[in-house]
PDB file of N, CA and C in Angstrom:
ATOM      1  N   UNK A   1      26.734 -14.793  12.426  1.00  0.00           N
ATOM      2  CA  UNK A   1      26.187 -13.528  12.856  1.00  0.00           C
ATOM      3  C   UNK A   1      25.763 -13.669  14.321  1.00  0.00           C
ATOM      4  N   UNK A   2      26.085 -12.685  15.122  1.00  0.00           N
ATOM      5  CA  UNK A   2      25.781 -12.680  16.536  1.00  0.00           C
ATOM      6  C   UNK A   2      24.266 -12.674  16.765  1.00  0.00           C
ATOM      7  N   UNK A   3      23.803 -13.340  17.820  1.00  0.00           N
ATOM      8  CA  UNK A   3      22.379 -13.447  18.101  1.00  0.00           C
ATOM      9  C   UNK A   3      21.761 -12.081  18.376  1.00  0.00           C
ATOM     10  N   UNK A   4      22.463 -11.239  19.108  1.00  0.00           N
ATOM     11  CA  UNK A   4      21.938  -9.904  19.411  1.00  0.00           C
ATOM     12  C   UNK A   4      21.767  -9.082  18.133  1.00  0.00           C
ATOM     13  N   UNK A   5      22.724  -9.166  17.220  1.00  0.00           N
ATOM     14  CA  UNK A   5      22.618  -8.453  15.949  1.00  0.00           C
ATOM     15  C   UNK A   5      21.451  -8.992  15.121  1.00  0.00           C
ATOM     16  N   UNK A   6      21.267 -10.295  15.131  1.00  0.00           N
ATOM     17  CA  UNK A   6      20.146 -10.894  14.388  1.00  0.00           C
ATOM     18  C   UNK A   6      18.810 -10.425  14.949  1.00  0.00           C
ATOM     19  N   UNK A   7      18.703 -10.326  16.266  1.00  0.00           N
ATOM     20  CA  UNK A   7      17.460  -9.859  16.884  1.00  0.00           C
ATOM     21  C   UNK A   7      17.213  -8.394  16.526  1.00  0.00           C
ATOM     22  N   UNK A   8      18.262  -7.580  16.558  1.00  0.00           N
ATOM     23  CA  UNK A   8      18.125  -6.162  16.195  1.00  0.00           C
ATOM     24  C   UNK A   8      17.710  -6.004  14.743  1.00  0.00           C
ATOM     25  N   UNK A   9      18.319  -6.784  13.854  1.00  0.00           N
ATOM     26  CA  UNK A   9      17.951  -6.711  12.437  1.00  0.00           C
ATOM     27  C   UNK A   9      16.528  -7.215  12.200  1.00  0.00           C
ATOM     28  N   UNK A  10      16.113  -8.225  12.947  1.00  0.00           N
ATOM     29  CA  UNK A  10      14.745  -8.729  12.840  1.00  0.00           C
ATOM     30  C   UNK A  10      13.747  -7.656  13.253  1.00  0.00           C
ATOM     31  N   UNK A  11      14.021  -6.976  14.361  1.00  0.00           N
ATOM     32  CA  UNK A  11      13.141  -5.895  14.817  1.00  0.00           C
ATOM     33  C   UNK A  11      13.121  -4.765  13.797  1.00  0.00           C
ATOM     34  N   UNK A  12      14.281  -4.435  13.243  1.00  0.00           N
ATOM     35  CA  UNK A  12      14.359  -3.371  12.233  1.00  0.00           C
ATOM     36  C   UNK A  12      13.565  -3.739  10.984  1.00  0.00           C
ATOM     37  N   UNK A  13      13.729  -4.961  10.485  1.00  0.00           N
ATOM     38  CA  UNK A  13      13.030  -5.388   9.268  1.00  0.00           C
ATOM     39  C   UNK A  13      11.523  -5.434   9.490  1.00  0.00           C
ATOM     40  N   UNK A  14      11.095  -5.995  10.611  1.00  0.00           N
ATOM     41  CA  UNK A  14       9.657  -6.062  10.890  1.00  0.00           C
ATOM     42  C   UNK A  14       9.074  -4.667  11.112  1.00  0.00           C
ATOM     43  N   UNK A  15       9.839  -3.793  11.768  1.00  0.00           N
ATOM     44  CA  UNK A  15       9.390  -2.407  11.946  1.00  0.00           C
ATOM     45  C   UNK A  15       9.255  -1.681  10.618  1.00  0.00           C
ATOM     46  N   UNK A  16      10.188  -1.911   9.716  1.00  0.00           N
ATOM     47  CA  UNK A  16      10.131  -1.292   8.399  1.00  0.00           C
ATOM     48  C   UNK A  16       8.917  -1.790   7.610  1.00  0.00           C
ATOM     49  N   UNK A  17       8.679  -3.093   7.656  1.00  0.00           N
ATOM     50  CA  UNK A  17       7.514  -3.654   6.964  1.00  0.00           C
ATOM     51  C   UNK A  17       6.229  -3.070   7.548  1.00  0.00           C
ATOM     52  N   UNK A  18       6.142  -3.032   8.871  1.00  0.00           N
ATOM     53  CA  UNK A  18       4.950  -2.484   9.529  1.00  0.00           C
ATOM     54  C   UNK A  18       4.736  -1.026   9.148  1.00  0.00           C
ATOM     55  N   UNK A  19       5.814  -0.233   9.162  1.00  0.00           N
ATOM     56  CA  UNK A  19       5.705   1.190   8.849  1.00  0.00           C
ATOM     57  C   UNK A  19       5.245   1.408   7.402  1.00  0.00           C
ATOM     58  N   UNK A  20       5.802   0.650   6.465  1.00  0.00           N
ATOM     59  CA  UNK A  20       5.434   0.820   5.060  1.00  0.00           C
ATOM     60  C   UNK A  20       3.982   0.417   4.828  1.00  0.00           C
ATOM     61  N   UNK A  21       3.568  -0.721   5.390  1.00  0.00           N
ATOM     62  CA  UNK A  21       2.181  -1.172   5.222  1.00  0.00           C
ATOM     63  C   UNK A  21       1.218  -0.171   5.840  1.00  0.00           C
ATOM     64  N   UNK A  22       1.576   0.370   6.999  1.00  0.00           N
ATOM     65  CA  UNK A  22       0.712   1.360   7.642  1.00  0.00           C
ATOM     66  C   UNK A  22       0.601   2.637   6.803  1.00  0.00           C
ATOM     67  N   UNK A  23       1.718   3.083   6.236  1.00  0.00           N
ATOM     68  CA  UNK A  23       1.691   4.289   5.407  1.00  0.00           C
ATOM     69  C   UNK A  23       0.867   4.063   4.140  1.00  0.00           C
ATOM     70  N   UNK A  24       0.934   2.864   3.567  1.00  0.00           N
ATOM     71  CA  UNK A  24       0.130   2.553   2.382  1.00  0.00           C
ATOM     72  C   UNK A  24      -1.347   2.536   2.753  1.00  0.00           C
ATOM     73  N   UNK A  25      -1.676   1.957   3.909  1.00  0.00           N
ATOM     74  CA  UNK A  25      -3.074   1.908   4.347  1.00  0.00           C
ATOM     75  C   UNK A  25      -3.651   3.289   4.611  1.00  0.00           C
ATOM     76  N   UNK A  26      -2.823   4.222   5.073  1.00  0.00           N
ATOM     77  CA  UNK A  26      -3.274   5.590   5.350  1.00  0.00           C
ATOM     78  C   UNK A  26      -3.166   6.495   4.127  1.00  0.00           C
ATOM     79  N   UNK A  27      -2.822   5.919   2.980  1.00  0.00           N
ATOM     80  CA  UNK A  27      -2.657   6.665   1.728  1.00  0.00           C
ATOM     81  C   UNK A  27      -1.596   7.760   1.824  1.00  0.00           C
ATOM     82  N   UNK A  28      -0.573   7.526   2.644  1.00  0.00           N
ATOM     83  CA  UNK A  28       0.558   8.441   2.718  1.00  0.00           C
ATOM     84  C   UNK A  28       1.664   8.021   1.768  1.00  0.00           C
ATOM     85  N   UNK A  29       1.565   6.810   1.267  1.00  0.00           N
ATOM     86  CA  UNK A  29       2.595   6.201   0.432  1.00  0.00           C
ATOM     87  C   UNK A  29       1.871   5.371  -0.605  1.00  0.00           C
ATOM     88  N   UNK A  30       2.208   5.532  -1.877  1.00  0.00           N
ATOM     89  CA  UNK A  30       1.537   4.733  -2.900  1.00  0.00           C
ATOM     90  C   UNK A  30       2.097   3.318  -2.921  1.00  0.00           C
ATOM     91  N   UNK A  31       1.270   2.392  -3.323  1.00  0.00           N
ATOM     92  CA  UNK A  31       1.693   0.998  -3.368  1.00  0.00           C
ATOM     93  C   UNK A  31       2.833   0.812  -4.362  1.00  0.00           C
ATOM     94  N   UNK A  32       2.765   1.553  -5.461  1.00  0.00           N
ATOM     95  CA  UNK A  32       3.809   1.446  -6.485  1.00  0.00           C
ATOM     96  C   UNK A  32       5.169   1.897  -5.943  1.00  0.00           C
ATOM     97  N   UNK A  33       5.179   2.968  -5.161  1.00  0.00           N
ATOM     98  CA  UNK A  33       6.448   3.464  -4.618  1.00  0.00           C
ATOM     99  C   UNK A  33       6.915   2.664  -3.411  1.00  0.00           C
ATOM    100  N   UNK A  34       6.016   1.924  -2.790  1.00  0.00           N
ATOM    101  CA  UNK A  34       6.407   1.156  -1.609  1.00  0.00           C
ATOM    102  C   UNK A  34       7.024  -0.186  -1.972  1.00  0.00           C
ATOM    103  N   UNK A  35       6.842  -0.641  -3.191  1.00  0.00           N
ATOM    104  CA  UNK A  35       7.312  -1.965  -3.585  1.00  0.00           C
ATOM    105  C   UNK A  35       8.818  -2.167  -3.396  1.00  0.00           C
ATOM    106  N   UNK A  36       9.685  -1.245  -3.863  1.00  0.00           N
ATOM    107  CA  UNK A  36      11.130  -1.460  -3.644  1.00  0.00           C
ATOM    108  C   UNK A  36      11.504  -1.487  -2.162  1.00  0.00           C
ATOM    109  N   UNK A  37      10.825  -0.683  -1.351  1.00  0.00           N
ATOM    110  CA  UNK A  37      11.131  -0.656   0.076  1.00  0.00           C
ATOM    111  C   UNK A  37      10.667  -1.945   0.752  1.00  0.00           C
ATOM    112  N   UNK A  38       9.552  -2.484   0.289  1.00  0.00           N
ATOM    113  CA  UNK A  38       9.116  -3.773   0.820  1.00  0.00           C
ATOM    114  C   UNK A  38      10.096  -4.880   0.440  1.00  0.00           C
ATOM    115  N   UNK A  39      10.598  -4.832  -0.796  1.00  0.00           N
ATOM    116  CA  UNK A  39      11.610  -5.812  -1.205  1.00  0.00           C
ATOM    117  C   UNK A  39      12.858  -5.715  -0.340  1.00  0.00           C
ATOM    118  N   UNK A  40      13.282  -4.500  -0.048  1.00  0.00           N
ATOM    119  CA  UNK A  40      14.455  -4.297   0.795  1.00  0.00           C
ATOM    120  C   UNK A  40      14.219  -4.850   2.197  1.00  0.00           C
ATOM    121  N   UNK A  41      13.055  -4.596   2.754  1.00  0.00           N
ATOM    122  CA  UNK A  41      12.790  -5.083   4.106  1.00  0.00           C
ATOM    123  C   UNK A  41      12.680  -6.603   4.137  1.00  0.00           C
ATOM    124  N   UNK A  42      12.109  -7.212   3.092  1.00  0.00           N
ATOM    125  CA  UNK A  42      12.064  -8.671   3.041  1.00  0.00           C
ATOM    126  C   UNK A  42      13.465  -9.265   2.827  1.00  0.00           C
ATOM    127  N   UNK A  43      14.322  -8.551   2.109  1.00  0.00           N
ATOM    128  CA  UNK A  43      15.706  -9.002   1.959  1.00  0.00           C
ATOM    129  C   UNK A  43      16.427  -8.967   3.303  1.00  0.00           C
ATOM    130  N   UNK A  44      16.177  -7.925   4.093  1.00  0.00           N
ATOM    131  CA  UNK A  44      16.757  -7.870   5.441  1.00  0.00           C
ATOM    132  C   UNK A  44      16.228  -9.009   6.297  1.00  0.00           C
ATOM    133  N   UNK A  45      14.951  -9.317   6.143  1.00  0.00           N
ATOM    134  CA  UNK A  45      14.355 -10.428   6.878  1.00  0.00           C
ATOM    135  C   UNK A  45      15.003 -11.756   6.489  1.00  0.00           C
ATOM    136  N   UNK A  46      15.264 -11.929   5.192  1.00  0.00           N
ATOM    137  CA  UNK A  46      15.942 -13.145   4.732  1.00  0.00           C
ATOM    138  C   UNK A  46      17.360 -13.244   5.292  1.00  0.00           C
ATOM    139  N   UNK A  47      18.050 -12.105   5.384  1.00  0.00           N
ATOM    140  CA  UNK A  47      19.407 -12.120   5.939  1.00  0.00           C
ATOM    141  C   UNK A  47      19.402 -12.536   7.402  1.00  0.00           C
ATOM    142  N   UNK A  48      18.343 -12.162   8.122  1.00  0.00           N
ATOM    143  CA  UNK A  48      18.253 -12.535   9.531  1.00  0.00           C
ATOM    144  C   UNK A  48      17.935 -14.024   9.668  1.00  0.00           C
ATOM    145  N   UNK A  49      17.007 -14.500   8.854  1.00  0.00           N
ATOM    146  CA  UNK A  49      16.589 -15.898   8.956  1.00  0.00           C
ATOM    147  C   UNK A  49      17.686 -16.830   8.453  1.00  0.00           C
ATOM    148  N   UNK A  50      18.317 -16.464   7.340  1.00  0.00           N
ATOM    149  CA  UNK A  50      19.390 -17.269   6.756  1.00  0.00           C
ATOM    150  C   UNK A  50      20.682 -16.460   6.765  1.00  0.00           C
ATOM    151  N   UNK A  51      21.448 -16.488   7.864  1.00  0.00           N
ATOM    152  CA  UNK A  51      22.634 -15.624   7.952  1.00  0.00           C
ATOM    153  C   UNK A  51      23.749 -15.996   6.973  1.00  0.00           C
ATOM    154  N   UNK A  52      23.789 -17.216   6.483  1.00  0.00           N
ATOM    155  CA  UNK A  52      24.830 -17.607   5.530  1.00  0.00           C
ATOM    156  C   UNK A  52      24.478 -17.228   4.095  1.00  0.00           C
ATOM    157  N   UNK A  53      23.302 -16.676   3.901  1.00  0.00           N
ATOM    158  CA  UNK A  53      22.815 -16.235   2.603  1.00  0.00           C
ATOM    159  C   UNK A  53      23.784 -15.243   1.962  1.00  0.00           C
ATOM    160  N   UNK A  54      24.228 -14.267   2.724  1.00  0.00           N
ATOM    161  CA  UNK A  54      25.135 -13.231   2.215  1.00  0.00           C
ATOM    162  C   UNK A  54      26.479 -13.842   1.840  1.00  0.00           C
ATOM    163  N   UNK A  55      27.020 -14.684   2.690  1.00  0.00           N
ATOM    164  CA  UNK A  55      28.312 -15.309   2.389  1.00  0.00           C
ATOM    165  C   UNK A  55      28.238 -16.167   1.133  1.00  0.00           C
ATOM    166  N   UNK A  56      27.149 -16.904   0.983  1.00  0.00           N
ATOM    167  CA  UNK A  56      26.989 -17.773  -0.184  1.00  0.00           C
ATOM    168  C   UNK A  56      26.958 -16.956  -1.471  1.00  0.00           C
ATOM    169  N   UNK A  57      26.134 -15.911  -1.505  1.00  0.00           N
ATOM    170  CA  UNK A  57      26.020 -15.127  -2.738  1.00  0.00           C
ATOM    171  C   UNK A  57      27.254 -14.273  -2.997  1.00  0.00           C
ATOM    172  N   UNK A  58      27.911 -13.815  -1.946  1.00  0.00           N
ATOM    173  CA  UNK A  58      29.128 -13.029  -2.188  1.00  0.00           C
ATOM    174  C   UNK A  58      30.226 -13.910  -2.785  1.00  0.00           C
ATOM    175  N   UNK A  59      30.331 -15.154  -2.332  1.00  0.00           N
ATOM    176  CA  UNK A  59      31.311 -16.072  -2.917  1.00  0.00           C
ATOM    177  C   UNK A  59      30.893 -16.495  -4.321  1.00  0.00           C
ATOM    178  N   UNK A  60      29.584 -16.678  -4.522  1.00  0.00           N
ATOM    179  CA  UNK A  60      29.070 -17.063  -5.838  1.00  0.00           C
ATOM    180  C   UNK A  60      29.361 -15.988  -6.884  1.00  0.00           C
ATOM    181  N   UNK A  61      29.264 -14.728  -6.481  1.00  0.00           N
ATOM    182  CA  UNK A  61      29.504 -13.616  -7.400  1.00  0.00           C
ATOM    183  C   UNK A  61      30.941 -13.108  -7.357  1.00  0.00           C
ATOM    184  N   UNK A  62      31.816 -13.826  -6.688  1.00  0.00           N
ATOM    185  CA  UNK A  62      33.266 -13.550  -6.642  1.00  0.00           C
ATOM    186  C   UNK A  62      33.628 -12.235  -5.971  1.00  0.00           C
ATOM    187  N   UNK A  63      32.922 -11.866  -4.920  1.00  0.00           N
ATOM    188  CA  UNK A  63      33.304 -10.707  -4.127  1.00  0.00           C
ATOM    189  C   UNK A  63      34.349 -11.149  -3.116  1.00  0.00           C
ATOM    190  N   UNK A  64      35.280 -10.264  -2.784  1.00  0.00           N
ATOM    191  CA  UNK A  64      36.339 -10.599  -1.834  1.00  0.00           C
ATOM    192  C   UNK A  64      35.791 -10.795  -0.424  1.00  0.00           C
ATOM    193  N   UNK A  65      34.806  -9.983  -0.061  1.00  0.00           N
ATOM    194  CA  UNK A  65      34.201 -10.127   1.264  1.00  0.00           C
ATOM    195  C   UNK A  65      32.701  -9.895   1.170  1.00  0.00           C
ATOM    196  N   UNK A  66      32.007 -10.327   2.180  1.00  0.00           N
ATOM    197  CA  UNK A  66      30.554 -10.162   2.181  1.00  0.00           C
ATOM    198  C   UNK A  66      30.173  -8.690   2.341  1.00  0.00           C
ATOM    199  N   UNK A  67      31.009  -7.895   3.001  1.00  0.00           N
ATOM    200  CA  UNK A  67      30.719  -6.459   3.137  1.00  0.00           C
ATOM    201  C   UNK A  67      30.766  -5.764   1.782  1.00  0.00           C
ATOM    202  N   UNK A  68      31.692  -6.162   0.918  1.00  0.00           N
ATOM    203  CA  UNK A  68      31.721  -5.590  -0.431  1.00  0.00           C
ATOM    204  C   UNK A  68      30.429  -5.898  -1.171  1.00  0.00           C
ATOM    205  N   UNK A  69      29.922  -7.104  -0.994  1.00  0.00           N
ATOM    206  CA  UNK A  69      28.656  -7.499  -1.617  1.00  0.00           C
ATOM    207  C   UNK A  69      27.505  -6.660  -1.077  1.00  0.00           C
ATOM    208  N   UNK A  70      27.487  -6.436   0.238  1.00  0.00           N
ATOM    209  CA  UNK A  70      26.425  -5.613   0.833  1.00  0.00           C
ATOM    210  C   UNK A  70      26.508  -4.164   0.356  1.00  0.00           C
ATOM    211  N   UNK A  71      27.720  -3.623   0.274  1.00  0.00           N
ATOM    212  CA  UNK A  71      27.872  -2.257  -0.238  1.00  0.00           C
ATOM    213  C   UNK A  71      27.429  -2.170  -1.694  1.00  0.00           C
ATOM    214  N   UNK A  72      27.790  -3.151  -2.478  1.00  0.00           N
ATOM    215  CA  UNK A  72      27.366  -3.171  -3.873  1.00  0.00           C
ATOM    216  C   UNK A  72      25.843  -3.227  -3.967  1.00  0.00           C
ATOM    217  N   UNK A  73      25.230  -4.056  -3.137  1.00  0.00           N
ATOM    218  CA  UNK A  73      23.768  -4.148  -3.126  1.00  0.00           C
ATOM    219  C   UNK A  73      23.115  -2.847  -2.715  1.00  0.00           C
ATOM    220  N   UNK A  74      23.674  -2.189  -1.702  1.00  0.00           N
ATOM    221  CA  UNK A  74      23.108  -0.920  -1.238  1.00  0.00           C
ATOM    222  C   UNK A  74      23.247   0.168  -2.300  1.00  0.00           C
ATOM    223  N   UNK A  75      24.408   0.241  -2.924  1.00  0.00           N
ATOM    224  CA  UNK A  75      24.617   1.242  -3.971  1.00  0.00           C
ATOM    225  C   UNK A  75      23.724   0.959  -5.171  1.00  0.00           C
ATOM    226  N   UNK A  76      23.562  -0.302  -5.532  1.00  0.00           N
ATOM    227  CA  UNK A  76      22.680  -0.665  -6.646  1.00  0.00           C
ATOM    228  C   UNK A  76      21.238  -0.293  -6.337  1.00  0.00           C
ATOM    229  N   UNK A  77      20.811  -0.546  -5.107  1.00  0.00           N
ATOM    230  CA  UNK A  77      19.444  -0.192  -4.704  1.00  0.00           C
ATOM    231  C   UNK A  77      19.227   1.313  -4.796  1.00  0.00           C
ATOM    232  N   UNK A  78      20.158   2.096  -4.273  1.00  0.00           N
ATOM    233  CA  UNK A  78      20.034   3.554  -4.321  1.00  0.00           C
ATOM    234  C   UNK A  78      20.061   4.068  -5.757  1.00  0.00           C
ATOM    235  N   UNK A  79      20.880   3.462  -6.600  1.00  0.00           N
ATOM    236  CA  UNK A  79      20.939   3.833  -8.014  1.00  0.00           C
ATOM    237  C   UNK A  79      19.594   3.556  -8.688  1.00  0.00           C
ATOM    238  N   UNK A  80      19.029   2.386  -8.414  1.00  0.00           N
ATOM    239  CA  UNK A  80      17.721   2.029  -8.970  1.00  0.00           C
ATOM    240  C   UNK A  80      16.647   3.004  -8.504  1.00  0.00           C
ATOM    241  N   UNK A  81      16.659   3.353  -7.218  1.00  0.00           N
ATOM    242  CA  UNK A  81      15.659   4.280  -6.685  1.00  0.00           C
ATOM    243  C   UNK A  81      15.802   5.662  -7.322  1.00  0.00           C
ATOM    244  N   UNK A  82      17.026   6.097  -7.575  1.00  0.00           N
ATOM    245  CA  UNK A  82      17.224   7.405  -8.206  1.00  0.00           C
ATOM    246  C   UNK A  82      16.714   7.398  -9.644  1.00  0.00           C
ATOM    247  N   UNK A  83      16.979   6.321 -10.375  1.00  0.00           N
ATOM    248  CA  UNK A  83      16.467   6.223 -11.746  1.00  0.00           C
ATOM    249  C   UNK A  83      14.942   6.219 -11.735  1.00  0.00           C
ATOM    250  N   UNK A  84      14.343   5.475 -10.804  1.00  0.00           N
ATOM    251  CA  UNK A  84      12.885   5.424 -10.709  1.00  0.00           C
ATOM    252  C   UNK A  84      12.309   6.793 -10.370  1.00  0.00           C
ATOM    253  N   UNK A  85      12.917   7.512  -9.430  1.00  0.00           N
ATOM    254  CA  UNK A  85      12.440   8.848  -9.068  1.00  0.00           C
ATOM    255  C   UNK A  85      12.602   9.834 -10.223  1.00  0.00           C
ATOM    256  N   UNK A  86      13.688   9.721 -10.977  1.00  0.00           N
ATOM    257  CA  UNK A  86      13.877  10.595 -12.137  1.00  0.00           C
ATOM    258  C   UNK A  86      12.817  10.326 -13.184  1.00  0.00           C
ATOM    259  N   UNK A  87      12.530   9.071 -13.436  1.00  0.00           N
ATOM    260  CA  UNK A  87      11.490   8.701 -14.398  1.00  0.00           C
ATOM    261  C   UNK A  87      10.126   9.241 -13.964  1.00  0.00           C
ATOM    262  N   UNK A  88       9.777   9.025 -12.707  1.00  0.00           N
ATOM    263  CA  UNK A  88       8.472   9.485 -12.227  1.00  0.00           C
ATOM    264  C   UNK A  88       8.389  11.009 -12.218  1.00  0.00           C
ATOM    265  N   UNK A  89       9.482  11.674 -11.870  1.00  0.00           N
ATOM    266  CA  UNK A  89       9.496  13.137 -11.885  1.00  0.00           C
ATOM    267  C   UNK A  89       9.346  13.693 -13.293  1.00  0.00           C
ATOM    268  N   UNK A  90      10.005  13.078 -14.251  1.00  0.00           N
ATOM    269  CA  UNK A  90       9.895  13.518 -15.644  1.00  0.00           C
ATOM    270  C   UNK A  90       8.480  13.317 -16.161  1.00  0.00           C
ATOM    271  N   UNK A  91       7.897  12.190 -15.821  1.00  0.00           N
ATOM    272  CA  UNK A  91       6.519  11.914 -16.244  1.00  0.00           C
ATOM    273  C   UNK A  91       5.543  12.901 -15.605  1.00  0.00           C
ATOM    274  N   UNK A  92       5.766  13.210 -14.334  1.00  0.00           N
ATOM    275  CA  UNK A  92       4.913  14.173 -13.640  1.00  0.00           C
ATOM    276  C   UNK A  92       5.065  15.563 -14.257  1.00  0.00           C
ATOM    277  N   UNK A  93       6.308  15.950 -14.585  1.00  0.00           N
ATOM    278  CA  UNK A  93       6.537  17.259 -15.200  1.00  0.00           C
ATOM    279  C   UNK A  93       5.827  17.384 -16.538  1.00  0.00           C
ATOM    280  N   UNK A  94       5.862  16.331 -17.344  1.00  0.00           N
ATOM    281  CA  UNK A  94       5.184  16.391 -18.643  1.00  0.00           C
ATOM    282  C   UNK A  94       3.668  16.432 -18.461  1.00  0.00           C
ATOM    283  N   UNK A  95       3.148  15.746 -17.446  1.00  0.00           N
ATOM    284  CA  UNK A  95       1.706  15.815 -17.172  1.00  0.00           C
ATOM    285  C   UNK A  95       1.300  17.209 -16.716  1.00  0.00           C
ATOM    286  N   UNK A  96       2.114  17.845 -15.870  1.00  0.00           N
ATOM    287  CA  UNK A  96       1.818  19.200 -15.412  1.00  0.00           C
ATOM    288  C   UNK A  96       1.865  20.164 -16.593  1.00  0.00           C
ATOM    289  N   UNK A  97       2.845  20.005 -17.472  1.00  0.00           N
ATOM    290  CA  UNK A  97       2.953  20.874 -18.648  1.00  0.00           C
ATOM    291  C   UNK A  97       1.716  20.741 -19.528  1.00  0.00           C
ATOM    292  N   UNK A  98       1.268  19.505 -19.745  1.00  0.00           N
ATOM    293  CA  UNK A  98       0.084  19.275 -20.566  1.00  0.00           C
ATOM    294  C   UNK A  98      -1.161  19.884 -19.911  1.00  0.00           C
ATOM    295  N   UNK A  99      -1.284  19.741 -18.590  1.00  0.00           N
ATOM    296  CA  UNK A  99      -2.443  20.311 -17.895  1.00  0.00           C
ATOM    297  C   UNK A  99      -2.433  21.832 -17.936  1.00  0.00           C
ATOM    298  N   UNK A 100      -1.268  22.451 -17.824  1.00  0.00           N
ATOM    299  CA  UNK A 100      -1.176  23.912 -17.911  1.00  0.00           C
ATOM    300  C   UNK A 100      -1.579  24.383 -19.301  1.00  0.00           C
ATOM    301  N   UNK A 101      -1.144  23.671 -20.331  1.00  0.00           N
ATOM    302  CA  UNK A 101      -1.520  24.047 -21.692  1.00  0.00           C
ATOM    303  C   UNK A 101      -3.027  23.908 -21.905  1.00  0.00           C
ATOM    304  N   UNK A 102      -3.613  22.821 -21.415  1.00  0.00           N
ATOM    305  CA  UNK A 102      -5.062  22.634 -21.551  1.00  0.00           C
ATOM    306  C   UNK A 102      -5.822  23.713 -20.783  1.00  0.00           C
ATOM    307  N   UNK A 103      -5.338  24.058 -19.580  1.00  0.00           N
ATOM    308  CA  UNK A 103      -5.985  25.104 -18.794  1.00  0.00           C
ATOM    309  C   UNK A 103      -5.907  26.448 -19.502  1.00  0.00           C
ATOM    310  N   UNK A 104      -4.777  26.742 -20.122  1.00  0.00           N
ATOM    311  CA  UNK A 104      -4.637  28.007 -20.858  1.00  0.00           C
ATOM    312  C   UNK A 104      -5.601  28.064 -22.027  1.00  0.00           C
ATOM    313  N   UNK A 105      -5.742  26.952 -22.750  1.00  0.00           N
ATOM    314  CA  UNK A 105      -6.689  26.920 -23.866  1.00  0.00           C
ATOM    315  C   UNK A 105      -8.122  27.087 -23.373  1.00  0.00           C
ATOM    316  N   UNK A 106      -8.466  26.447 -22.270  1.00  0.00           N
ATOM    317  CA  UNK A 106      -9.819  26.581 -21.725  1.00  0.00           C
ATOM    318  C   UNK A 106     -10.088  27.996 -21.236  1.00  0.00           C
ATOM    319  N   UNK A 107      -9.100  28.634 -20.614  1.00  0.00           N
ATOM    320  CA  UNK A 107      -9.272  30.025 -20.179  1.00  0.00           C
ATOM    321  C   UNK A 107      -9.487  30.947 -21.370  1.00  0.00           C
ATOM    322  N   UNK A 108      -8.726  30.730 -22.425  1.00  0.00           N
ATOM    323  CA  UNK A 108      -8.881  31.558 -23.625  1.00  0.00           C
ATOM    324  C   UNK A 108     -10.273  31.366 -24.219  1.00  0.00           C
ATOM    325  N   UNK A 109     -10.751  30.129 -24.232  1.00  0.00           N
ATOM    326  CA  UNK A 109     -12.082  29.851 -24.782  1.00  0.00           C
ATOM    327  C   UNK A 109     -13.169  30.472 -23.907  1.00  0.00           C
ATOM    328  N   UNK A 110     -13.017  30.431 -22.587  1.00  0.00           N
ATOM    329  CA  UNK A 110     -13.994  31.032 -21.676  1.00  0.00           C
ATOM    330  C   UNK A 110     -14.011  32.541 -21.861  1.00  0.00           C
ATOM    331  N   UNK A 111     -12.851  33.155 -21.958  1.00  0.00           N
ATOM    332  CA  UNK A 111     -12.783  34.604 -22.167  1.00  0.00           C
ATOM    333  C   UNK A 111     -13.434  34.987 -23.488  1.00  0.00           C
ATOM    334  N   UNK A 112     -13.218  34.178 -24.519  1.00  0.00           N
ATOM    335  CA  UNK A 112     -13.829  34.434 -25.827  1.00  0.00           C
ATOM    336  C   UNK A 112     -15.348  34.326 -25.736  1.00  0.00           C
ATOM    337  N   UNK A 113     -15.849  33.330 -25.037  1.00  0.00           N
ATOM    338  CA  UNK A 113     -17.291  33.165 -24.878  1.00  0.00           C
ATOM    339  C   UNK A 113     -17.887  34.286 -24.034  1.00  0.00           C
ATOM    340  N   UNK A 114     -17.171  34.757 -23.019  1.00  0.00           N
ATOM    341  CA  UNK A 114     -17.656  35.880 -22.209  1.00  0.00           C
ATOM    342  C   UNK A 114     -17.740  37.145 -23.035  1.00  0.00           C
ATOM    343  N   UNK A 115     -16.785  37.348 -23.947  1.00  0.00           N
ATOM    344  CA  UNK A 115     -16.828  38.530 -24.817  1.00  0.00           C
ATOM    345  C   UNK A 115     -18.037  38.455 -25.737  1.00  0.00           C
ATOM    346  N   UNK A 116     -18.327  37.247 -26.260  1.00  0.00           N
ATOM    347  CA  UNK A 116     -19.487  37.084 -27.145  1.00  0.00           C
ATOM    348  C   UNK A 116     -20.792  37.306 -26.406  1.00  0.00           C
ATOM    349  N   UNK A 117     -20.877  36.894 -25.154  1.00  0.00           N
ATOM    350  CA  UNK A 117     -22.094  37.054 -24.365  1.00  0.00           C
ATOM    351  C   UNK A 117     -22.284  38.517 -23.999  1.00  0.00           C
ATOM    352  N   UNK A 118     -21.212  39.246 -23.734  1.00  0.00           N
ATOM    353  CA  UNK A 118     -21.303  40.659 -23.326  1.00  0.00           C
ATOM    354  C   UNK A 118     -21.650  41.581 -24.500  1.00  0.00           C
ATOM    355  N   UNK A 119     -21.561  41.134 -25.717  1.00  0.00           N
ATOM    356  CA  UNK A 119     -21.849  41.976 -26.894  1.00  0.00           C
ATOM    357  C   UNK A 119     -23.284  42.188 -27.060  1.00  0.00           C
TER     358      UNK A 119
END
């Protein structure tokens, strides 16, 4: 890997780590949702520090080229993130549904109590 490319990737990985940690500290990003992105940035950091890492694992897993391995990794990461977002969205939707039902029951009870007080 070319030295200039390694320096650019190092700056990118460190910038990504800094940005994620800063967003977590400012409560703009939850720690739970930042974990996969931190893993990705540390993986980029490992690729910069150990440039033969990609070639070794691509040959170990029988990929024809290291770019195929990187594309597979990127697609797998995006697939994982989509499954995680779908899970969290479904859980959030069920929580909102439950809260709306509880609010409706409480409103009905308040209206009933107001009718009893007005009598």
